[in-house]
């Protein structure tokens, strides 16, 4: 049975969990490999996921402050 995500905070929290999971996945793989170019690629992917985490956390903060998740208002 899947949970239906209907509110912005539910959607953003689900996305945040997936981004954190992906970040940790790439980090774990990067720590395990001894091949430098593979490690560098995995670290780049990890860092990209970390940027996504920060972006979603920012959106959640704006939403919690009564502002739209994206925009100037």
N, C-alpha and C. Protein backbone atom coordinates (compact mmCIF):
# COMPACT_ATOMS: atom_id res chain seq x y z
N UNK A 1 0.85 -1.17 0.00
CA UNK A 1 0.00 0.00 0.00
C UNK A 1 0.89 1.24 0.00
N UNK A 2 0.69 2.12 -0.95
CA UNK A 2 1.50 3.33 -1.02
C UNK A 2 0.75 4.51 -0.41
N UNK A 3 1.52 5.42 0.16
CA UNK A 3 0.95 6.61 0.75
C UNK A 3 0.82 7.66 -0.33
N UNK A 4 -0.33 8.31 -0.37
CA UNK A 4 -0.53 9.36 -1.35
C UNK A 4 -0.02 10.67 -0.78
N UNK A 5 0.87 11.29 -1.52
CA UNK A 5 1.44 12.57 -1.11
C UNK A 5 0.60 13.67 -1.74
N UNK A 6 -0.02 14.49 -0.89
CA UNK A 6 -0.94 15.49 -1.43
C UNK A 6 -0.59 16.92 -1.05
N UNK A 7 0.15 17.11 0.01
CA UNK A 7 0.47 18.47 0.43
C UNK A 7 1.93 18.79 0.09
N UNK A 8 2.23 20.07 -0.10
CA UNK A 8 3.62 20.43 -0.42
C UNK A 8 4.63 19.91 0.60
N UNK A 9 4.31 19.98 1.89
CA UNK A 9 5.28 19.50 2.88
C UNK A 9 5.46 17.99 2.81
N UNK A 10 4.41 17.24 2.52
CA UNK A 10 4.55 15.80 2.35
C UNK A 10 5.45 15.47 1.16
N UNK A 11 5.22 16.18 0.07
CA UNK A 11 6.00 15.94 -1.15
C UNK A 11 7.46 16.30 -0.91
N UNK A 12 7.71 17.47 -0.32
CA UNK A 12 9.09 17.89 -0.08
C UNK A 12 9.80 16.97 0.91
N UNK A 13 9.11 16.52 1.95
CA UNK A 13 9.74 15.61 2.91
C UNK A 13 10.06 14.26 2.28
N UNK A 14 9.20 13.77 1.39
CA UNK A 14 9.48 12.52 0.68
C UNK A 14 10.69 12.71 -0.24
N UNK A 15 10.74 13.83 -0.94
CA UNK A 15 11.87 14.11 -1.82
C UNK A 15 13.16 14.24 -1.01
N UNK A 16 13.09 14.90 0.14
CA UNK A 16 14.25 15.07 1.00
C UNK A 16 14.80 13.71 1.44
N UNK A 17 13.93 12.82 1.83
CA UNK A 17 14.36 11.49 2.26
C UNK A 17 15.07 10.75 1.13
N UNK A 18 14.54 10.84 -0.09
CA UNK A 18 15.16 10.18 -1.24
C UNK A 18 16.53 10.78 -1.57
N UNK A 19 16.63 12.10 -1.51
CA UNK A 19 17.90 12.76 -1.80
C UNK A 19 18.96 12.39 -0.75
N UNK A 20 18.56 12.33 0.51
CA UNK A 20 19.50 11.95 1.57
C UNK A 20 19.94 10.51 1.39
N UNK A 21 19.01 9.65 1.00
CA UNK A 21 19.34 8.24 0.76
C UNK A 21 20.34 8.13 -0.40
N UNK A 22 20.12 8.87 -1.48
CA UNK A 22 21.03 8.84 -2.62
C UNK A 22 22.40 9.39 -2.24
N UNK A 23 22.43 10.48 -1.48
CA UNK A 23 23.71 11.06 -1.03
C UNK A 23 24.51 10.05 -0.23
N UNK A 24 23.84 9.39 0.70
CA UNK A 24 24.53 8.41 1.54
C UNK A 24 24.98 7.19 0.73
N UNK A 25 24.19 6.80 -0.26
CA UNK A 25 24.54 5.69 -1.13
C UNK A 25 25.84 5.98 -1.88
N UNK A 26 25.90 7.15 -2.54
CA UNK A 26 27.11 7.51 -3.28
C UNK A 26 28.31 7.68 -2.35
N UNK A 27 28.09 8.22 -1.17
CA UNK A 27 29.18 8.39 -0.22
C UNK A 27 29.75 7.03 0.19
N UNK A 28 28.87 6.09 0.46
CA UNK A 28 29.32 4.75 0.85
C UNK A 28 30.12 4.07 -0.25
N UNK A 29 29.65 4.21 -1.48
CA UNK A 29 30.38 3.62 -2.59
C UNK A 29 31.74 4.30 -2.78
N UNK A 30 31.78 5.62 -2.66
CA UNK A 30 33.03 6.35 -2.83
C UNK A 30 34.06 5.90 -1.80
N UNK A 31 33.62 5.62 -0.59
CA UNK A 31 34.54 5.19 0.47
C UNK A 31 35.07 3.78 0.22
N UNK A 32 34.33 2.99 -0.55
CA UNK A 32 34.72 1.60 -0.77
C UNK A 32 35.65 1.39 -1.95
N UNK A 33 35.65 2.33 -2.89
CA UNK A 33 36.42 2.10 -4.11
C UNK A 33 37.86 2.60 -3.97
N UNK A 34 38.75 1.89 -4.63
CA UNK A 34 40.15 2.32 -4.64
C UNK A 34 40.54 2.90 -5.99
N UNK A 35 39.59 2.92 -6.92
CA UNK A 35 39.85 3.46 -8.26
C UNK A 35 39.56 4.96 -8.22
N UNK A 36 40.61 5.75 -8.41
CA UNK A 36 40.50 7.19 -8.19
C UNK A 36 39.43 7.86 -9.04
N UNK A 37 39.37 7.60 -10.34
CA UNK A 37 38.39 8.30 -11.18
C UNK A 37 36.96 7.89 -10.83
N UNK A 38 36.78 6.65 -10.39
CA UNK A 38 35.44 6.20 -9.96
C UNK A 38 35.07 6.90 -8.66
N UNK A 39 36.03 6.99 -7.73
CA UNK A 39 35.77 7.68 -6.46
C UNK A 39 35.42 9.15 -6.70
N UNK A 40 36.16 9.79 -7.61
CA UNK A 40 35.88 11.20 -7.91
C UNK A 40 34.48 11.38 -8.49
N UNK A 41 34.07 10.48 -9.38
CA UNK A 41 32.73 10.55 -9.95
C UNK A 41 31.68 10.36 -8.86
N UNK A 42 31.87 9.37 -8.02
CA UNK A 42 30.91 9.11 -6.94
C UNK A 42 30.85 10.29 -5.97
N UNK A 43 31.98 10.92 -5.70
CA UNK A 43 31.99 12.10 -4.83
C UNK A 43 31.25 13.26 -5.47
N UNK A 44 31.38 13.42 -6.78
CA UNK A 44 30.62 14.46 -7.49
C UNK A 44 29.12 14.20 -7.39
N UNK A 45 28.74 12.95 -7.58
CA UNK A 45 27.33 12.59 -7.46
C UNK A 45 26.82 12.82 -6.04
N UNK A 46 27.63 12.44 -5.06
CA UNK A 46 27.28 12.69 -3.65
C UNK A 46 27.08 14.17 -3.39
N UNK A 47 28.00 14.98 -3.89
CA UNK A 47 27.92 16.42 -3.67
C UNK A 47 26.69 17.03 -4.34
N UNK A 48 26.34 16.51 -5.50
CA UNK A 48 25.13 16.99 -6.20
C UNK A 48 23.88 16.66 -5.37
N UNK A 49 23.84 15.46 -4.83
CA UNK A 49 22.71 15.09 -3.97
C UNK A 49 22.68 15.95 -2.72
N UNK A 50 23.84 16.29 -2.17
CA UNK A 50 23.90 17.16 -0.99
C UNK A 50 23.35 18.54 -1.32
N UNK A 51 23.61 19.03 -2.53
CA UNK A 51 23.02 20.32 -2.95
C UNK A 51 21.51 20.21 -3.02
N UNK A 52 21.01 19.10 -3.51
CA UNK A 52 19.56 18.89 -3.56
C UNK A 52 18.97 18.88 -2.15
N UNK A 53 19.66 18.23 -1.22
CA UNK A 53 19.20 18.19 0.18
C UNK A 53 19.07 19.61 0.72
N UNK A 54 20.10 20.42 0.52
CA UNK A 54 20.05 21.81 1.02
C UNK A 54 18.93 22.60 0.36
N UNK A 55 18.73 22.40 -0.94
CA UNK A 55 17.69 23.11 -1.66
C UNK A 55 16.30 22.75 -1.10
N UNK A 56 16.06 21.48 -0.88
CA UNK A 56 14.76 21.05 -0.36
C UNK A 56 14.59 21.52 1.08
N UNK A 57 15.64 21.47 1.88
CA UNK A 57 15.54 21.98 3.25
C UNK A 57 15.20 23.47 3.24
N UNK A 58 15.78 24.21 2.31
CA UNK A 58 15.46 25.63 2.17
C UNK A 58 13.98 25.81 1.81
N UNK A 59 13.50 25.00 0.89
CA UNK A 59 12.09 25.07 0.49
C UNK A 59 11.18 24.77 1.68
N UNK A 60 11.53 23.75 2.46
CA UNK A 60 10.73 23.41 3.64
C UNK A 60 10.75 24.55 4.64
N UNK A 61 11.90 25.21 4.80
CA UNK A 61 11.98 26.35 5.70
C UNK A 61 11.09 27.49 5.25
N UNK A 62 11.08 27.77 3.96
CA UNK A 62 10.22 28.82 3.42
C UNK A 62 8.76 28.46 3.63
N UNK A 63 8.43 27.22 3.37
CA UNK A 63 7.06 26.75 3.53
C UNK A 63 6.62 26.89 4.99
N UNK A 64 7.51 26.53 5.91
CA UNK A 64 7.22 26.64 7.33
C UNK A 64 7.05 28.08 7.80
N UNK A 65 7.67 29.00 7.06
CA UNK A 65 7.57 30.42 7.40
C UNK A 65 6.38 31.07 6.69
N UNK A 66 5.57 30.25 6.02
CA UNK A 66 4.38 30.78 5.35
C UNK A 66 4.66 31.39 3.99
N UNK A 67 5.83 31.12 3.44
CA UNK A 67 6.18 31.64 2.12
C UNK A 67 6.06 30.51 1.11
N UNK A 68 5.94 30.85 -0.17
CA UNK A 68 5.96 29.79 -1.18
C UNK A 68 7.33 29.12 -1.21
N UNK A 69 7.39 27.82 -1.48
CA UNK A 69 8.69 27.13 -1.48
C UNK A 69 9.70 27.72 -2.44
N UNK A 70 9.23 28.29 -3.54
CA UNK A 70 10.11 28.90 -4.53
C UNK A 70 9.51 30.26 -4.88
N UNK A 71 10.37 31.24 -5.04
CA UNK A 71 9.88 32.53 -5.46
C UNK A 71 10.34 33.65 -4.56
N UNK A 72 9.83 34.82 -4.81
CA UNK A 72 10.27 36.02 -4.11
C UNK A 72 9.40 36.36 -2.91
N UNK A 73 8.19 35.90 -2.89
CA UNK A 73 7.25 36.33 -1.84
C UNK A 73 7.64 35.85 -0.47
